[in-house]
C-alpha atoms as a PDB file:
ATOM      1  CA  UNK A   1     101.550-167.407 -41.755  1.00  0.00           C
ATOM      2  CA  UNK A   2     103.178-167.083 -45.316  1.00  0.00           C
ATOM      3  CA  UNK A   3     104.368-170.126 -46.973  1.00  0.00           C
ATOM      4  CA  UNK A   4     107.802-170.998 -45.597  1.00  0.00           C
ATOM      5  CA  UNK A   5     108.587-173.154 -48.432  1.00  0.00           C
ATOM      6  CA  UNK A   6     107.903-170.329 -50.868  1.00  0.00           C
ATOM      7  CA  UNK A   7     109.779-168.078 -49.197  1.00  0.00           C
ATOM      8  CA  UNK A   8     112.807-170.068 -47.916  1.00  0.00           C
ATOM      9  CA  UNK A   9     113.650-171.448 -44.564  1.00  0.00           C
ATOM     10  CA  UNK A  10     115.274-168.398 -43.320  1.00  0.00           C
ATOM     11  CA  UNK A  11     116.900-164.754 -43.962  1.00  0.00           C
ATOM     12  CA  UNK A  12     119.603-165.515 -41.543  1.00  0.00           C
ATOM     13  CA  UNK A  13     119.336-162.200 -39.538  1.00  0.00           C
ATOM     14  CA  UNK A  14     118.693-159.927 -42.464  1.00  0.00           C
ATOM     15  CA  UNK A  15     116.369-157.553 -40.950  1.00  0.00           C
ATOM     16  CA  UNK A  16     116.481-155.046 -43.744  1.00  0.00           C
ATOM     17  CA  UNK A  17     115.182-157.954 -45.989  1.00  0.00           C
ATOM     18  CA  UNK A  18     112.451-158.843 -43.441  1.00  0.00           C
ATOM     19  CA  UNK A  19     111.228-155.311 -43.336  1.00  0.00           C
ATOM     20  CA  UNK A  20     111.286-154.746 -47.291  1.00  0.00           C
ATOM     21  CA  UNK A  21     110.105-158.225 -48.619  1.00  0.00           C
ATOM     22  CA  UNK A  22     108.311-160.054 -45.500  1.00  0.00           C
ATOM     23  CA  UNK A  23     106.059-157.361 -43.627  1.00  0.00           C
ATOM     24  CA  UNK A  24     103.592-160.206 -43.012  1.00  0.00           C
ATOM     25  CA  UNK A  25     106.367-162.118 -41.141  1.00  0.00           C
ATOM     26  CA  UNK A  26     107.392-159.104 -39.361  1.00  0.00           C
ATOM     27  CA  UNK A  27     103.624-158.535 -38.333  1.00  0.00           C
ATOM     28  CA  UNK A  28     103.246-161.893 -36.923  1.00  0.00           C
ATOM     29  CA  UNK A  29     106.594-161.814 -35.219  1.00  0.00           C
ATOM     30  CA  UNK A  30     105.692-158.574 -33.652  1.00  0.00           C
ATOM     31  CA  UNK A  31     102.369-159.865 -32.634  1.00  0.00           C
ATOM     32  CA  UNK A  32     103.491-162.635 -30.539  1.00  0.00           C
ATOM     33  CA  UNK A  33     102.506-161.941 -26.963  1.00  0.00           C
ATOM     34  CA  UNK A  34     104.764-160.962 -24.307  1.00  0.00           C
ATOM     35  CA  UNK A  35     104.651-161.414 -20.675  1.00  0.00           C
ATOM     36  CA  UNK A  36     104.881-158.686 -19.300  1.00  0.00           C
ATOM     37  CA  UNK A  37     103.913-156.458 -22.299  1.00  0.00           C
ATOM     38  CA  UNK A  38     106.318-153.903 -23.012  1.00  0.00           C
ATOM     39  CA  UNK A  39     103.738-151.099 -23.540  1.00  0.00           C
ATOM     40  CA  UNK A  40     102.106-151.740 -20.183  1.00  0.00           C
ATOM     41  CA  UNK A  41     105.893-151.674 -18.750  1.00  0.00           C
ATOM     42  CA  UNK A  42     106.310-148.109 -20.488  1.00  0.00           C
ATOM     43  CA  UNK A  43     102.816-146.997 -19.445  1.00  0.00           C
ATOM     44  CA  UNK A  44     103.525-147.943 -15.848  1.00  0.00           C
ATOM     45  CA  UNK A  45     106.909-145.852 -15.901  1.00  0.00           C
ATOM     46  CA  UNK A  46     105.628-142.836 -18.187  1.00  0.00           C
ATOM     47  CA  UNK A  47     101.928-142.646 -18.245  1.00  0.00           C
ATOM     48  CA  UNK A  48     100.534-142.164 -21.853  1.00  0.00           C
ATOM     49  CA  UNK A  49      97.267-140.912 -20.776  1.00  0.00           C
ATOM     50  CA  UNK A  50      96.024-137.797 -22.647  1.00  0.00           C
ATOM     51  CA  UNK A  51      99.532-137.460 -24.462  1.00  0.00           C
ATOM     52  CA  UNK A  52     100.492-137.084 -28.265  1.00  0.00           C
ATOM     53  CA  UNK A  53     103.103-139.632 -28.783  1.00  0.00           C
ATOM     54  CA  UNK A  54     105.552-140.435 -31.471  1.00  0.00           C
ATOM     55  CA  UNK A  55     106.229-144.205 -32.266  1.00  0.00           C
ATOM     56  CA  UNK A  56     109.577-144.314 -34.138  1.00  0.00           C
ATOM     57  CA  UNK A  57     109.986-147.379 -36.445  1.00  0.00           C
ATOM     58  CA  UNK A  58     106.385-148.272 -36.070  1.00  0.00           C
ATOM     59  CA  UNK A  59     106.584-150.947 -38.464  1.00  0.00           C
ATOM     60  CA  UNK A  60     103.023-152.699 -38.993  1.00  0.00           C
ATOM     61  CA  UNK A  61     101.666-150.805 -36.349  1.00  0.00           C
ATOM     62  CA  UNK A  62     101.722-153.274 -33.376  1.00  0.00           C
ATOM     63  CA  UNK A  63     103.271-150.882 -30.877  1.00  0.00           C
ATOM     64  CA  UNK A  64     101.388-147.811 -32.190  1.00  0.00           C
ATOM     65  CA  UNK A  65      98.077-149.344 -31.655  1.00  0.00           C
ATOM     66  CA  UNK A  66      98.840-150.669 -28.341  1.00  0.00           C
ATOM     67  CA  UNK A  67     100.201-147.114 -27.033  1.00  0.00           C
ATOM     68  CA  UNK A  68      96.917-145.694 -28.760  1.00  0.00           C
ATOM     69  CA  UNK A  69      95.008-147.541 -26.067  1.00  0.00           C
ATOM     70  CA  UNK A  70      96.143-145.008 -23.630  1.00  0.00           C
ATOM     71  CA  UNK A  71      97.159-142.084 -25.519  1.00  0.00           C
ATOM     72  CA  UNK A  72      95.394-139.180 -26.881  1.00  0.00           C
ATOM     73  CA  UNK A  73      97.029-139.464 -30.355  1.00  0.00           C
ATOM     74  CA  UNK A  74     100.100-141.532 -31.426  1.00  0.00           C
ATOM     75  CA  UNK A  75     101.922-141.039 -34.895  1.00  0.00           C
ATOM     76  CA  UNK A  76     103.786-143.825 -36.283  1.00  0.00           C
ATOM     77  CA  UNK A  77     106.893-142.910 -38.385  1.00  0.00           C
ATOM     78  CA  UNK A  78     107.927-145.702 -40.474  1.00  0.00           C
ATOM     79  CA  UNK A  79     110.522-145.582 -43.647  1.00  0.00           C
ATOM     80  CA  UNK A  80     108.961-148.994 -45.144  1.00  0.00           C
ATOM     81  CA  UNK A  81     105.980-148.393 -47.387  1.00  0.00           C
ATOM     82  CA  UNK A  82     104.958-151.984 -47.188  1.00  0.00           C
ATOM     83  CA  UNK A  83     104.854-151.673 -43.420  1.00  0.00           C
ATOM     84  CA  UNK A  84     102.714-148.447 -43.367  1.00  0.00           C
ATOM     85  CA  UNK A  85     100.289-150.191 -45.622  1.00  0.00           C
ATOM     86  CA  UNK A  86      99.548-152.829 -43.233  1.00  0.00           C
ATOM     87  CA  UNK A  87      99.566-150.516 -40.405  1.00  0.00           C
ATOM     88  CA  UNK A  88      97.088-148.102 -42.217  1.00  0.00           C
ATOM     89  CA  UNK A  89      94.799-151.062 -43.357  1.00  0.00           C
ATOM     90  CA  UNK A  90      94.893-152.150 -39.740  1.00  0.00           C
ATOM     91  CA  UNK A  91      93.602-148.813 -38.389  1.00  0.00           C
ATOM     92  CA  UNK A  92      90.801-148.504 -41.044  1.00  0.00           C
ATOM     93  CA  UNK A  93      89.639-152.095 -40.437  1.00  0.00           C
ATOM     94  CA  UNK A  94      89.750-151.770 -36.821  1.00  0.00           C
ATOM     95  CA  UNK A  95      88.201-148.268 -36.673  1.00  0.00           C
ATOM     96  CA  UNK A  96      91.117-146.835 -34.693  1.00  0.00           C
ATOM     97  CA  UNK A  97      91.035-143.116 -35.208  1.00  0.00           C
ATOM     98  CA  UNK A  98      93.733-141.843 -32.759  1.00  0.00           C
ATOM     99  CA  UNK A  99      96.781-142.982 -34.900  1.00  0.00           C
ATOM    100  CA  UNK A 100      98.422-141.591 -37.952  1.00  0.00           C
ATOM    101  CA  UNK A 101     101.221-142.988 -40.003  1.00  0.00           C
ATOM    102  CA  UNK A 102     103.989-140.934 -41.893  1.00  0.00           C
ATOM    103  CA  UNK A 103     107.018-141.809 -43.847  1.00  0.00           C
ATOM    104  CA  UNK A 104     110.207-141.042 -42.004  1.00  0.00           C
ATOM    105  CA  UNK A 105     112.886-142.414 -39.778  1.00  0.00           C
ATOM    106  CA  UNK A 106     114.684-141.932 -36.483  1.00  0.00           C
ATOM    107  CA  UNK A 107     117.163-139.586 -37.714  1.00  0.00           C
ATOM    108  CA  UNK A 108     114.450-137.199 -39.633  1.00  0.00           C
ATOM    109  CA  UNK A 109     111.336-136.955 -37.854  1.00  0.00           C
ATOM    110  CA  UNK A 110     108.701-135.265 -40.130  1.00  0.00           C
ATOM    111  CA  UNK A 111     107.207-133.363 -37.195  1.00  0.00           C
ATOM    112  CA  UNK A 112     107.208-129.569 -35.965  1.00  0.00           C
ATOM    113  CA  UNK A 113     109.424-128.626 -33.251  1.00  0.00           C
ATOM    114  CA  UNK A 114     107.765-129.013 -29.718  1.00  0.00           C
ATOM    115  CA  UNK A 115     104.966-130.554 -31.209  1.00  0.00           C
ATOM    116  CA  UNK A 116     104.473-133.867 -29.079  1.00  0.00           C
ATOM    117  CA  UNK A 117     104.599-135.126 -25.284  1.00  0.00           C
ATOM    118  CA  UNK A 118     106.903-138.252 -25.909  1.00  0.00           C
ATOM    119  CA  UNK A 119     109.193-139.982 -28.409  1.00  0.00           C
ATOM    120  CA  UNK A 120     109.216-143.618 -28.066  1.00  0.00           C
ATOM    121  CA  UNK A 121     111.407-145.985 -30.155  1.00  0.00           C
ATOM    122  CA  UNK A 122     110.961-149.828 -29.499  1.00  0.00           C
ATOM    123  CA  UNK A 123     113.598-151.868 -31.054  1.00  0.00           C
ATOM    124  CA  UNK A 124     113.546-149.411 -33.981  1.00  0.00           C
ATOM    125  CA  UNK A 125     116.247-149.879 -36.521  1.00  0.00           C
ATOM    126  CA  UNK A 126     119.118-147.424 -35.811  1.00  0.00           C
ATOM    127  CA  UNK A 127     122.093-148.564 -37.967  1.00  0.00           C
ATOM    128  CA  UNK A 128     124.898-147.575 -38.038  1.00  0.00           C
ATOM    129  CA  UNK A 129     124.564-146.507 -34.552  1.00  0.00           C
ATOM    130  CA  UNK A 130     127.492-144.125 -34.264  1.00  0.00           C
ATOM    131  CA  UNK A 131     125.709-142.174 -37.115  1.00  0.00           C
ATOM    132  CA  UNK A 132     121.791-142.614 -36.500  1.00  0.00           C
ATOM    133  CA  UNK A 133     121.658-142.251 -32.564  1.00  0.00           C
ATOM    134  CA  UNK A 134     123.133-138.837 -32.139  1.00  0.00           C
ATOM    135  CA  UNK A 135     120.841-137.558 -34.963  1.00  0.00           C
ATOM    136  CA  UNK A 136     117.670-139.574 -33.319  1.00  0.00           C
ATOM    137  CA  UNK A 137     118.570-137.843 -29.834  1.00  0.00           C
ATOM    138  CA  UNK A 138     118.714-134.330 -31.379  1.00  0.00           C
ATOM    139  CA  UNK A 139     115.683-134.865 -33.503  1.00  0.00           C
ATOM    140  CA  UNK A 140     113.518-136.472 -30.824  1.00  0.00           C
ATOM    141  CA  UNK A 141     114.594-133.507 -28.399  1.00  0.00           C
ATOM    142  CA  UNK A 142     113.398-130.901 -31.004  1.00  0.00           C
ATOM    143  CA  UNK A 143     110.007-132.569 -31.406  1.00  0.00           C
ATOM    144  CA  UNK A 144     109.292-132.887 -27.662  1.00  0.00           C
ATOM    145  CA  UNK A 145     107.871-130.302 -25.579  1.00  0.00           C
ATOM    146  CA  UNK A 146     109.939-129.145 -22.621  1.00  0.00           C
ATOM    147  CA  UNK A 147     109.130-131.648 -19.666  1.00  0.00           C
ATOM    148  CA  UNK A 148     108.583-134.465 -22.245  1.00  0.00           C
ATOM    149  CA  UNK A 149     110.322-137.657 -22.567  1.00  0.00           C
ATOM    150  CA  UNK A 150     112.291-139.657 -25.161  1.00  0.00           C
ATOM    151  CA  UNK A 151     112.459-143.456 -24.616  1.00  0.00           C
ATOM    152  CA  UNK A 152     114.408-146.001 -26.639  1.00  0.00           C
ATOM    153  CA  UNK A 153     113.951-149.628 -25.933  1.00  0.00           C
ATOM    154  CA  UNK A 154     116.303-152.283 -27.380  1.00  0.00           C
ATOM    155  CA  UNK A 155     117.763-155.840 -26.660  1.00  0.00           C
ATOM    156  CA  UNK A 156     120.132-155.714 -23.684  1.00  0.00           C
ATOM    157  CA  UNK A 157     123.695-156.384 -24.553  1.00  0.00           C
ATOM    158  CA  UNK A 158     124.230-160.346 -24.555  1.00  0.00           C
ATOM    159  CA  UNK A 159     120.618-161.067 -25.246  1.00  0.00           C
ATOM    160  CA  UNK A 160     120.394-160.486 -29.143  1.00  0.00           C
ATOM    161  CA  UNK A 161     117.734-163.323 -30.015  1.00  0.00           C
ATOM    162  CA  UNK A 162     116.774-163.577 -26.332  1.00  0.00           C
ATOM    163  CA  UNK A 163     117.970-166.849 -24.416  1.00  0.00           C
ATOM    164  CA  UNK A 164     119.261-168.356 -27.633  1.00  0.00           C
ATOM    165  CA  UNK A 165     121.859-165.568 -28.179  1.00  0.00           C
ATOM    166  CA  UNK A 166     124.735-168.113 -27.537  1.00  0.00           C
ATOM    167  CA  UNK A 167     123.348-170.578 -30.235  1.00  0.00           C
ATOM    168  CA  UNK A 168     122.660-167.937 -32.720  1.00  0.00           C
ATOM    169  CA  UNK A 169     126.134-166.454 -32.149  1.00  0.00           C
ATOM    170  CA  UNK A 170     126.101-163.464 -34.289  1.00  0.00           C
ATOM    171  CA  UNK A 171     129.312-161.686 -34.127  1.00  0.00           C
ATOM    172  CA  UNK A 172     128.075-158.373 -34.995  1.00  0.00           C
ATOM    173  CA  UNK A 173     125.025-158.264 -32.691  1.00  0.00           C
ATOM    174  CA  UNK A 174     126.711-157.828 -29.014  1.00  0.00           C
ATOM    175  CA  UNK A 175     129.337-155.155 -30.311  1.00  0.00           C
ATOM    176  CA  UNK A 176     126.510-153.109 -31.875  1.00  0.00           C
ATOM    177  CA  UNK A 177     124.282-153.305 -28.788  1.00  0.00           C
ATOM    178  CA  UNK A 178     127.195-152.546 -26.496  1.00  0.00           C
ATOM    179  CA  UNK A 179     127.648-149.438 -28.966  1.00  0.00           C
ATOM    180  CA  UNK A 180     123.990-148.499 -28.466  1.00  0.00           C
ATOM    181  CA  UNK A 181     124.234-148.389 -24.592  1.00  0.00           C
ATOM    182  CA  UNK A 182     127.524-146.367 -24.801  1.00  0.00           C
ATOM    183  CA  UNK A 183     125.810-143.793 -27.046  1.00  0.00           C
ATOM    184  CA  UNK A 184     122.693-143.329 -25.072  1.00  0.00           C
ATOM    185  CA  UNK A 185     124.058-143.569 -21.562  1.00  0.00           C
ATOM    186  CA  UNK A 186     127.616-142.411 -21.476  1.00  0.00           C
ATOM    187  CA  UNK A 187     127.345-139.844 -24.515  1.00  0.00           C
ATOM    188  CA  UNK A 188     123.683-138.637 -24.269  1.00  0.00           C
ATOM    189  CA  UNK A 189     122.830-138.744 -20.611  1.00  0.00           C
ATOM    190  CA  UNK A 190     120.103-141.278 -20.761  1.00  0.00           C
ATOM    191  CA  UNK A 191     119.368-143.799 -17.716  1.00  0.00           C
ATOM    192  CA  UNK A 192     118.485-147.421 -18.187  1.00  0.00           C
ATOM    193  CA  UNK A 193     116.566-150.132 -16.657  1.00  0.00           C
ATOM    194  CA  UNK A 194     116.516-153.949 -17.987  1.00  0.00           C
ATOM    195  CA  UNK A 195     113.038-155.616 -18.506  1.00  0.00           C
ATOM    196  CA  UNK A 196     112.710-159.461 -18.549  1.00  0.00           C
ATOM    197  CA  UNK A 197     110.082-160.754 -20.865  1.00  0.00           C
ATOM    198  CA  UNK A 198     108.914-164.079 -22.243  1.00  0.00           C
ATOM    199  CA  UNK A 199     107.522-164.372 -25.828  1.00  0.00           C
ATOM    200  CA  UNK A 200     104.867-167.095 -26.306  1.00  0.00           C
ATOM    201  CA  UNK A 201     104.552-168.553 -29.783  1.00  0.00           C
ATOM    202  CA  UNK A 202     102.354-171.292 -28.922  1.00  0.00           C
ATOM    203  CA  UNK A 203     103.379-173.855 -31.336  1.00  0.00           C
ATOM    204  CA  UNK A 204     106.668-175.311 -33.052  1.00  0.00           C
ATOM    205  CA  UNK A 205     105.179-174.336 -36.410  1.00  0.00           C
ATOM    206  CA  UNK A 206     104.931-170.693 -35.512  1.00  0.00           C
ATOM    207  CA  UNK A 207     108.181-170.337 -33.454  1.00  0.00           C
ATOM    208  CA  UNK A 208     110.042-171.824 -36.779  1.00  0.00           C
ATOM    209  CA  UNK A 209     108.000-169.712 -39.091  1.00  0.00           C
ATOM    210  CA  UNK A 210     108.641-166.335 -37.470  1.00  0.00           C
ATOM    211  CA  UNK A 211     111.695-166.415 -34.742  1.00  0.00           C
ATOM    212  CA  UNK A 212     113.463-169.307 -36.796  1.00  0.00           C
ATOM    213  CA  UNK A 213     113.057-167.655 -40.275  1.00  0.00           C
ATOM    214  CA  UNK A 214     114.412-164.447 -38.820  1.00  0.00           C
ATOM    215  CA  UNK A 215     117.232-165.737 -36.582  1.00  0.00           C
ATOM    216  CA  UNK A 216     118.815-168.454 -38.879  1.00  0.00           C
ATOM    217  CA  UNK A 217     119.411-172.187 -39.270  1.00  0.00           C
ATOM    218  CA  UNK A 218     121.200-172.705 -35.808  1.00  0.00           C
ATOM    219  CA  UNK A 219     118.130-171.363 -33.857  1.00  0.00           C
ATOM    220  CA  UNK A 220     115.894-173.527 -36.301  1.00  0.00           C
ATOM    221  CA  UNK A 221     117.886-176.654 -35.528  1.00  0.00           C
ATOM    222  CA  UNK A 222     117.729-175.916 -31.845  1.00  0.00           C
ATOM    223  CA  UNK A 223     114.034-175.417 -31.865  1.00  0.00           C
ATOM    224  CA  UNK A 224     113.408-178.360 -33.613  1.00  0.00           C
ATOM    225  CA  UNK A 225     115.469-180.744 -31.174  1.00  0.00           C
ATOM    226  CA  UNK A 226     114.107-178.808 -27.907  1.00  0.00           C
ATOM    227  CA  UNK A 227     110.587-178.508 -28.808  1.00  0.00           C
ATOM    228  CA  UNK A 228     110.309-175.052 -27.044  1.00  0.00           C
ATOM    229  CA  UNK A 229     107.730-172.542 -28.210  1.00  0.00           C
ATOM    230  CA  UNK A 230     108.606-169.784 -25.843  1.00  0.00           C
ATOM    231  CA  UNK A 231     111.767-167.427 -25.751  1.00  0.00           C
ATOM    232  CA  UNK A 232     112.925-165.334 -22.667  1.00  0.00           C
ATOM    233  CA  UNK A 233     114.448-162.077 -23.484  1.00  0.00           C
ATOM    234  CA  UNK A 234     116.046-159.305 -21.500  1.00  0.00           C
ATOM    235  CA  UNK A 235     115.208-155.721 -23.024  1.00  0.00           C
ATOM    236  CA  UNK A 236     117.014-152.275 -21.923  1.00  0.00           C
ATOM    237  CA  UNK A 237     114.852-149.280 -21.644  1.00  0.00           C
ATOM    238  CA  UNK A 238     116.474-145.935 -22.022  1.00  0.00           C
ATOM    239  CA  UNK A 239     114.520-143.069 -20.936  1.00  0.00           C
ATOM    240  CA  UNK A 240     115.482-139.188 -20.806  1.00  0.00           C
ATOM    241  CA  UNK A 241     113.323-136.190 -19.764  1.00  0.00           C
ATOM    242  CA  UNK A 242     113.861-133.106 -22.037  1.00  0.00           C
ATOM    243  CA  UNK A 243     113.967-129.844 -20.101  1.00  0.00           C
ATOM    244  CA  UNK A 244     113.592-126.732 -22.481  1.00  0.00           C
END
């Protein structure tokens, strides 16, 4: 874990700073085990076996490598060079040959038309939603072959930060999640289902240095008082089959 004193106690929900300046903290946060694992949930719903999959907002590659355990090939699309560097180093170190990482984003997927079987975006940054999500849906539908699927996963409305949403009390979080739901379901015809998960940090030090560092002082204060080392979440899965 990076030195919390050197980096400061918290970034107070500034995900842009996290992605840019603290990729090692993001990687540790993303690597916390969840029960059940989201990739296993998605594999049960859509079956990655033998498929070419695009992982949008792949970050440090955690989701990419998890999908690659099932899929034929996975392309991680990530705009932050620091994140791609971590992912590429991991792939080389672990000898994972069925992954690749490219510079790109949700609204500009750098792949050929009809070249993949699935597009998956797991808590990918799509802000501002009103601008990015319509473009993402268009781009994802373009690169997917007929009969393929586009799947976006995000925190369910009212669950930003998981069970501590009421403590974090970020005034911008829930309206943004509600907007995402409206755009995917009401305007672009996606269905949805909710999945409850528990993230297990294992120690007070780790939950403070990752979850607390990201979500702010109110969360840190609560975690220090309560001593809890796990967080319950509710995620919303938005799937759509693409017929051409």
